[in-house]
Amino acid sequence: MRIRNARIDVMNLTINGESQIFSAETLSALVEQLGMKADRVAIELNRQIVSREQWPQTRLHDGDRLEIVHFVGGG
């Protein structure tokens, strides 16, 4: 269910199996809201991998399911 809240649309997204509410309209905005570094993240949206170049124009919709993998370095 999409809710209009204080002039911001919010939606229910399932990220890595956990239901959460977000106001991000695109994948780029979601990565920013999550505080992740875009060059260290891979995203699958509704079972389709989305290339980083497509994130700015890939719109999110209420009920979308995402798998987000955040790569970390170290040794």
C-alpha atoms as a PDB file:
ATOM      1  CA  MET A   1       0.000   0.000   0.000  1.00  0.00           C
ATOM      2  CA  ARG A   2       1.460   3.348  -1.060  1.00  0.00           C
ATOM      3  CA  ILE A   3       0.885   6.074   1.533  1.00  0.00           C
ATOM      4  CA  ARG A   4       1.156   9.824   1.092  1.00  0.00           C
ATOM      5  CA  ASN A   5       2.908  11.098   4.225  1.00  0.00           C
ATOM      6  CA  ALA A   6       3.786  14.794   4.707  1.00  0.00           C
ATOM      7  CA  ARG A   7       4.024  15.299   0.921  1.00  0.00           C
ATOM      8  CA  ILE A   8       6.339  12.287   0.532  1.00  0.00           C
ATOM      9  CA  ASP A   9       5.200   9.010  -0.994  1.00  0.00           C
ATOM     10  CA  VAL A  10       6.266   6.047   1.088  1.00  0.00           C
ATOM     11  CA  MET A  11       6.064   2.418   0.069  1.00  0.00           C
ATOM     12  CA  ASN A  12       6.571  -1.017   1.497  1.00  0.00           C
ATOM     13  CA  LEU A  13       9.671  -2.736   0.072  1.00  0.00           C
ATOM     14  CA  THR A  14      11.012  -6.145   1.005  1.00  0.00           C
ATOM     15  CA  ILE A  15      14.792  -5.951   1.262  1.00  0.00           C
ATOM     16  CA  ASN A  16      16.739  -9.156   1.877  1.00  0.00           C
ATOM     17  CA  GLY A  17      13.547 -10.776   3.176  1.00  0.00           C
ATOM     18  CA  GLU A  18      12.633  -7.960   5.583  1.00  0.00           C
ATOM     19  CA  SER A  19       9.647  -5.685   4.975  1.00  0.00           C
ATOM     20  CA  GLN A  20      10.514  -1.991   5.376  1.00  0.00           C
ATOM     21  CA  ILE A  21       8.997   1.406   4.585  1.00  0.00           C
ATOM     22  CA  PHE A  22      10.943   3.805   2.341  1.00  0.00           C
ATOM     23  CA  SER A  23      10.357   7.037   0.455  1.00  0.00           C
ATOM     24  CA  ALA A  24      13.015   6.468  -2.227  1.00  0.00           C
ATOM     25  CA  GLU A  25      11.614   6.605  -5.750  1.00  0.00           C
ATOM     26  CA  THR A  26      14.613   5.077  -7.553  1.00  0.00           C
ATOM     27  CA  LEU A  27      17.285   2.491  -6.819  1.00  0.00           C
ATOM     28  CA  SER A  28      19.910   5.263  -6.606  1.00  0.00           C
ATOM     29  CA  ALA A  29      17.862   7.106  -4.001  1.00  0.00           C
ATOM     30  CA  LEU A  30      17.348   3.893  -2.019  1.00  0.00           C
ATOM     31  CA  VAL A  31      21.081   3.141  -1.912  1.00  0.00           C
ATOM     32  CA  GLU A  32      21.631   6.698  -0.674  1.00  0.00           C
ATOM     33  CA  GLN A  33      18.897   6.366   1.994  1.00  0.00           C
ATOM     34  CA  LEU A  34      20.484   3.120   3.167  1.00  0.00           C
ATOM     35  CA  GLY A  35      23.853   4.883   3.498  1.00  0.00           C
ATOM     36  CA  MET A  36      25.594   2.416   1.202  1.00  0.00           C
ATOM     37  CA  LYS A  37      28.412   3.165  -1.219  1.00  0.00           C
ATOM     38  CA  ALA A  38      27.096   2.558  -4.734  1.00  0.00           C
ATOM     39  CA  ASP A  39      30.388   1.119  -5.973  1.00  0.00           C
ATOM     40  CA  ARG A  40      30.181  -1.671  -3.364  1.00  0.00           C
ATOM     41  CA  VAL A  41      26.590  -2.776  -3.889  1.00  0.00           C
ATOM     42  CA  ALA A  42      24.805  -5.193  -6.232  1.00  0.00           C
ATOM     43  CA  ILE A  43      21.002  -5.140  -6.472  1.00  0.00           C
ATOM     44  CA  GLU A  44      18.448  -7.647  -7.645  1.00  0.00           C
ATOM     45  CA  LEU A  45      14.966  -6.167  -8.112  1.00  0.00           C
ATOM     46  CA  ASN A  46      12.096  -8.629  -8.421  1.00  0.00           C
ATOM     47  CA  ARG A  47      14.540 -11.408  -9.385  1.00  0.00           C
ATOM     48  CA  GLN A  48      16.319  -9.326 -12.047  1.00  0.00           C
ATOM     49  CA  ILE A  49      19.823  -7.950 -11.545  1.00  0.00           C
ATOM     50  CA  VAL A  50      19.878  -4.232 -12.299  1.00  0.00           C
ATOM     51  CA  SER A  51      23.126  -2.725 -13.562  1.00  0.00           C
ATOM     52  CA  ARG A  52      24.439   0.277 -11.643  1.00  0.00           C
ATOM     53  CA  GLU A  53      24.038   2.457 -14.745  1.00  0.00           C
ATOM     54  CA  GLN A  54      20.274   1.810 -14.667  1.00  0.00           C
ATOM     55  CA  TRP A  55      19.738   2.691 -11.005  1.00  0.00           C
ATOM     56  CA  PRO A  56      18.920   6.400 -11.518  1.00  0.00           C
ATOM     57  CA  GLN A  57      16.043   5.630 -13.894  1.00  0.00           C
ATOM     58  CA  THR A  58      14.836   2.401 -12.226  1.00  0.00           C
ATOM     59  CA  ARG A  59      11.722   3.375 -10.311  1.00  0.00           C
ATOM     60  CA  LEU A  60      10.599   1.518  -7.216  1.00  0.00           C
ATOM     61  CA  HIS A  61       7.013   0.446  -6.598  1.00  0.00           C
ATOM     62  CA  ASP A  62       5.079  -0.595  -3.553  1.00  0.00           C
ATOM     63  CA  GLY A  63       5.616  -4.301  -2.930  1.00  0.00           C
ATOM     64  CA  ASP A  64       8.930  -4.588  -4.797  1.00  0.00           C
ATOM     65  CA  ARG A  65      11.307  -7.279  -3.544  1.00  0.00           C
ATOM     66  CA  LEU A  66      15.018  -6.509  -3.486  1.00  0.00           C
ATOM     67  CA  GLU A  67      18.116  -8.456  -2.642  1.00  0.00           C
ATOM     68  CA  ILE A  68      21.020  -6.142  -1.876  1.00  0.00           C
ATOM     69  CA  VAL A  69      24.559  -7.435  -1.514  1.00  0.00           C
ATOM     70  CA  HIS A  70      27.075  -5.059   0.046  1.00  0.00           C
ATOM     71  CA  PHE A  71      30.674  -5.977  -0.679  1.00  0.00           C
ATOM     72  CA  VAL A  72      33.276  -5.348   2.001  1.00  0.00           C
ATOM     73  CA  GLY A  73      37.027  -5.486   1.701  1.00  0.00           C
ATOM     74  CA  GLY A  74      39.506  -6.863   4.089  1.00  0.00           C
ATOM     75  CA  GLY A  75      41.886  -9.638   4.482  1.00  0.00           C
END
